[in-house]
Amino acid sequence: FLLPFQTRLFLEKGYINGGLSEFQTLSLYAGDIILVVLFSLFLVHRVRNFSAPKKMGVIWWLLSGLDLMIFLSIFVAEDHILSIYRYGIFLLGAGLFWVLVKAEYSRVRLYLSLFAALFIQAGIGIWQFLTQSDIAWKWLGMALHSPAQLGTVVVEVAENGGRWLRAYGGMSHPNILGGVLAIGVLILMGVIVNYGFKKKNFSLFSLISYLLLFTFITSLFFTFSRG
């Protein structure tokens, strides 16, 4: 639920030509802390319930190879601190994948928490585009974006020079919101096919599912994210 939210503590801001660089900025996200705690608890659980590991599958060999390449790139990077920081982000993602594959949990609760977070993000994005305004709220990691300010990601109308604010949600860029919503749409469609189609009559589950799907797709359109 916390992954889509951008609440963070800036450790060191990066700059290029006097302008703020998101890629070079070092931050500690609230989600990072939760992930580290989750990994620690799950690791203790695995150690207490240790069993001989099975043969590694192809996906784990590929992940290990990717991990090795990223680790070796630290030694040839111009900015070693930034490279180590980005490697840490990769490890968090790989660790989350490991927990999702190996842990026992309710998939229904996983879907509900993910969809609830994406619904909030999608709702914020729709509101941003329809009102062409935004609010800054540091506790949700939201920065202020104004279509009148240069540097804000907008859709420009050539005929009259108009600038339309693209939907950011709580993300740092509309393309990121677009990517997250695209993944959410695919997962939601899978849930509808696997669970919703098994119900012969139209139910509350179907109503909520199609409402979420409509909201995600609408907000995805307002991001104007071509990718």
Protein backbone atom coordinates (compact mmCIF):
# COMPACT_ATOMS: atom_id res chain seq x y z
CA PHE A 1 0.00 0.00 0.00
CA LEU A 2 2.85 2.40 0.80
CA LEU A 3 4.93 1.74 -2.34
CA PRO A 4 3.16 4.28 -4.61
CA PHE A 5 3.51 7.07 -2.03
CA GLN A 6 6.62 9.24 -2.21
CA THR A 7 7.04 10.34 1.41
CA ARG A 8 10.78 10.67 1.96
CA LEU A 9 13.63 12.37 3.76
CA PHE A 10 16.09 14.14 1.46
CA LEU A 11 19.61 13.02 2.37
CA GLU A 12 21.42 14.88 -0.42
CA LYS A 13 19.93 16.76 -3.35
CA GLY A 14 21.56 16.36 -6.74
CA TYR A 15 22.02 19.16 -9.25
CA ILE A 16 22.83 19.46 -12.97
CA ASN A 17 23.67 22.88 -14.39
CA GLY A 18 22.16 24.54 -11.33
CA GLY A 19 18.87 22.63 -11.61
CA LEU A 20 17.60 19.90 -9.31
CA SER A 21 18.30 16.37 -10.59
CA GLU A 22 15.94 13.68 -9.32
CA PHE A 23 18.20 10.84 -10.45
CA GLN A 24 21.19 12.18 -8.50
CA THR A 25 19.16 12.90 -5.36
CA LEU A 26 19.69 10.57 -2.39
CA SER A 27 16.52 9.99 -0.38
CA LEU A 28 15.24 7.75 2.39
CA TYR A 29 11.66 6.75 1.60
CA ALA A 30 9.13 5.70 4.23
CA GLY A 31 8.49 2.62 2.08
CA ASP A 32 12.20 1.73 2.28
CA ILE A 33 12.04 1.53 6.07
CA ILE A 34 8.96 -0.70 5.93
CA LEU A 35 10.64 -2.98 3.38
CA VAL A 36 13.80 -3.36 5.47
CA VAL A 37 11.71 -4.28 8.53
CA LEU A 38 9.69 -6.73 6.42
CA PHE A 39 12.84 -8.38 5.02
CA SER A 40 14.39 -8.67 8.49
CA LEU A 41 11.31 -10.35 9.96
CA PHE A 42 10.93 -12.67 6.97
CA LEU A 43 14.62 -13.60 7.10
CA VAL A 44 14.27 -14.53 10.78
CA HIS A 45 11.21 -16.59 9.90
CA ARG A 46 13.11 -18.41 7.12
CA VAL A 47 16.08 -19.14 9.40
CA ARG A 48 13.80 -20.54 12.13
CA ASN A 49 12.02 -22.71 9.58
CA PHE A 50 15.07 -23.62 7.52
CA SER A 51 14.82 -26.34 4.91
CA ALA A 52 17.22 -27.45 2.21
CA PRO A 53 16.87 -25.11 -0.79
CA LYS A 54 15.56 -26.55 -4.01
CA LYS A 55 17.32 -26.20 -7.34
CA MET A 56 17.44 -22.57 -8.51
CA GLY A 57 15.07 -21.75 -11.34
CA VAL A 58 15.95 -19.75 -14.44
CA ILE A 59 14.42 -16.55 -13.05
CA TRP A 60 16.70 -16.69 -10.00
CA TRP A 61 19.81 -17.22 -12.17
CA LEU A 62 18.81 -14.23 -14.30
CA LEU A 63 18.21 -12.12 -11.19
CA SER A 64 21.58 -13.16 -9.76
CA GLY A 65 23.32 -12.26 -13.03
CA LEU A 66 21.64 -8.86 -13.07
CA ASP A 67 22.66 -8.33 -9.45
CA LEU A 68 26.29 -9.16 -10.27
CA MET A 69 26.38 -6.74 -13.23
CA ILE A 70 24.92 -3.89 -11.19
CA PHE A 71 27.34 -4.58 -8.33
CA LEU A 72 30.37 -4.56 -10.67
CA SER A 73 29.19 -1.30 -12.25
CA ILE A 74 29.78 0.42 -8.90
CA PHE A 75 33.55 0.18 -9.43
CA VAL A 76 33.47 1.94 -12.82
CA ALA A 77 30.85 4.57 -11.96
CA GLU A 78 31.85 8.24 -11.82
CA ASP A 79 29.78 8.73 -8.64
CA HIS A 80 30.34 5.73 -6.35
CA ILE A 81 27.96 6.95 -3.64
CA LEU A 82 25.11 7.39 -6.13
CA SER A 83 25.88 4.00 -7.69
CA ILE A 84 25.78 2.27 -4.28
CA TYR A 85 22.51 4.06 -3.48
CA ARG A 86 20.93 2.88 -6.75
CA TYR A 87 22.22 -0.64 -6.13
CA GLY A 88 20.47 -0.53 -2.75
CA ILE A 89 17.20 0.36 -4.51
CA PHE A 90 17.65 -2.65 -6.78
CA LEU A 91 18.21 -4.89 -3.74
CA LEU A 92 14.97 -3.59 -2.18
CA GLY A 93 13.09 -4.48 -5.36
CA ALA A 94 14.70 -7.92 -5.57
CA GLY A 95 13.95 -8.48 -1.87
CA LEU A 96 10.29 -7.57 -2.37
CA PHE A 97 10.12 -10.03 -5.28
CA TRP A 98 11.69 -12.71 -3.04
CA VAL A 99 9.11 -12.16 -0.29
CA LEU A 100 6.19 -12.15 -2.74
CA VAL A 101 7.36 -15.47 -4.20
CA LYS A 102 8.37 -17.28 -1.01
CA ALA A 103 6.05 -15.97 1.72
CA GLU A 104 2.63 -17.34 2.60
CA TYR A 105 -0.01 -14.63 2.57
CA SER A 106 -3.51 -13.82 1.39
CA ARG A 107 -3.40 -12.76 -2.25
CA VAL A 108 -6.82 -11.17 -1.85
CA ARG A 109 -5.43 -8.82 0.81
CA LEU A 110 -2.43 -8.09 -1.41
CA TYR A 111 -4.72 -7.11 -4.28
CA LEU A 112 -6.96 -5.02 -2.03
CA SER A 113 -4.05 -3.05 -0.55
CA LEU A 114 -2.49 -2.46 -3.98
CA PHE A 115 -5.77 -1.39 -5.58
CA ALA A 116 -6.62 0.90 -2.66
CA ALA A 117 -3.29 2.72 -3.04
CA LEU A 118 -3.65 2.98 -6.83
CA PHE A 119 -7.22 4.25 -6.47
CA ILE A 120 -5.94 7.12 -4.30
CA GLN A 121 -3.17 7.88 -6.81
CA ALA A 122 -5.58 7.70 -9.75
CA GLY A 123 -8.12 9.93 -7.98
CA ILE A 124 -5.46 12.56 -7.26
CA GLY A 125 -4.35 12.43 -10.91
CA ILE A 126 -7.89 12.90 -12.24
CA TRP A 127 -8.45 15.82 -9.86
CA GLN A 128 -5.17 17.44 -10.94
CA PHE A 129 -6.07 17.33 -14.62
CA LEU A 130 -9.72 18.39 -14.29
CA THR A 131 -8.94 21.33 -11.98
CA GLN A 132 -5.54 22.12 -13.57
CA SER A 133 -4.20 22.68 -10.07
CA ASP A 134 -2.21 20.85 -7.46
CA ILE A 135 -1.37 20.94 -3.78
CA ALA A 136 1.90 20.36 -1.95
CA TRP A 137 1.61 17.86 0.91
CA LYS A 138 4.94 16.70 2.30
CA TRP A 139 3.47 13.85 4.36
CA LEU A 140 2.30 12.17 1.14
CA GLY A 141 5.46 13.21 -0.70
CA MET A 142 3.54 15.49 -3.06
CA ALA A 143 5.26 18.51 -4.62
CA LEU A 144 3.45 21.49 -6.13
CA HIS A 145 3.05 21.43 -9.92
CA SER A 146 1.71 24.47 -11.77
CA PRO A 147 1.09 24.44 -15.55
CA ALA A 148 2.17 28.10 -15.66
CA GLN A 149 5.62 27.26 -14.31
CA LEU A 150 8.35 26.22 -16.73
CA GLY A 151 9.69 22.77 -15.97
CA THR A 152 6.28 21.34 -15.10
CA VAL A 153 5.35 18.43 -17.37
CA VAL A 154 2.42 19.61 -19.50
CA VAL A 155 0.59 19.07 -22.79
CA GLU A 156 1.09 22.15 -24.97
CA VAL A 157 -1.52 23.27 -27.50
CA ALA A 158 0.26 24.67 -30.58
CA GLU A 159 -2.64 26.84 -31.80
CA ASN A 160 -3.01 29.04 -28.75
CA GLY A 161 0.06 28.19 -26.71
CA GLY A 162 -2.06 26.70 -23.92
CA ARG A 163 -0.46 24.47 -21.30
CA TRP A 164 -2.42 21.59 -19.76
CA LEU A 165 -1.10 19.99 -16.58
CA ARG A 166 -0.62 16.24 -16.99
CA ALA A 167 -1.71 13.97 -14.14
CA TYR A 168 1.11 13.41 -11.67
CA GLY A 169 -0.82 11.78 -8.85
CA GLY A 170 1.59 11.63 -5.95
CA MET A 171 4.46 10.62 -8.24
CA SER A 172 7.50 12.60 -9.36
CA HIS A 173 6.50 12.40 -13.07
CA PRO A 174 3.32 11.59 -15.07
CA ASN A 175 5.14 8.78 -16.89
CA ILE A 176 5.75 7.02 -13.57
CA LEU A 177 2.07 7.31 -12.65
CA GLY A 178 1.21 6.03 -16.12
CA GLY A 179 3.47 3.02 -15.73
CA VAL A 180 2.11 2.17 -12.28
CA LEU A 181 -1.51 2.50 -13.47
CA ALA A 182 -0.79 0.39 -16.56
CA ILE A 183 0.50 -2.40 -14.32
CA GLY A 184 -2.52 -1.92 -12.05
CA VAL A 185 -4.90 -2.25 -15.01
CA LEU A 186 -3.26 -5.51 -16.13
CA ILE A 187 -3.36 -7.00 -12.63
CA LEU A 188 -6.97 -5.89 -12.14
CA MET A 189 -7.99 -7.44 -15.46
CA GLY A 190 -6.37 -10.68 -14.32
CA VAL A 191 -8.32 -10.55 -11.05
CA ILE A 192 -11.58 -9.93 -12.94
CA VAL A 193 -10.92 -12.86 -15.29
CA ASN A 194 -9.86 -15.27 -12.53
CA TYR A 195 -12.45 -14.30 -9.92
CA GLY A 196 -15.14 -12.08 -11.39
CA PHE A 197 -16.07 -14.27 -14.35
CA LYS A 198 -16.67 -17.21 -12.02
CA LYS A 199 -19.63 -15.38 -10.51
CA LYS A 200 -22.76 -15.96 -12.57
CA ASN A 201 -24.60 -12.88 -11.32
CA PHE A 202 -23.46 -9.26 -11.21
CA SER A 203 -22.17 -8.69 -7.68
CA LEU A 204 -20.61 -6.04 -5.47
CA PHE A 205 -17.23 -7.49 -6.46
CA SER A 206 -17.99 -6.84 -10.12
CA LEU A 207 -19.22 -3.30 -9.42
CA ILE A 208 -16.09 -2.38 -7.46
CA SER A 209 -13.81 -4.05 -10.01
CA TYR A 210 -15.23 -2.17 -12.99
CA LEU A 211 -15.30 1.09 -11.03
CA LEU A 212 -11.60 0.66 -10.26
CA LEU A 213 -10.87 -0.26 -13.88
CA PHE A 214 -12.68 2.85 -15.15
CA THR A 215 -10.83 5.05 -12.65
CA PHE A 216 -7.41 3.60 -13.48
CA ILE A 217 -7.91 3.93 -17.25
CA THR A 218 -9.27 7.49 -16.96
CA SER A 219 -6.32 8.62 -14.86
CA LEU A 220 -3.93 6.74 -17.17
CA PHE A 221 -5.33 8.72 -20.10
CA PHE A 222 -4.85 12.02 -18.23
CA THR A 223 -1.15 11.23 -17.71
CA PHE A 224 -0.71 11.42 -21.51
CA SER A 225 2.07 8.89 -21.05
CA ARG A 226 2.70 7.49 -24.52
CA GLY A 227 4.89 4.64 -23.29
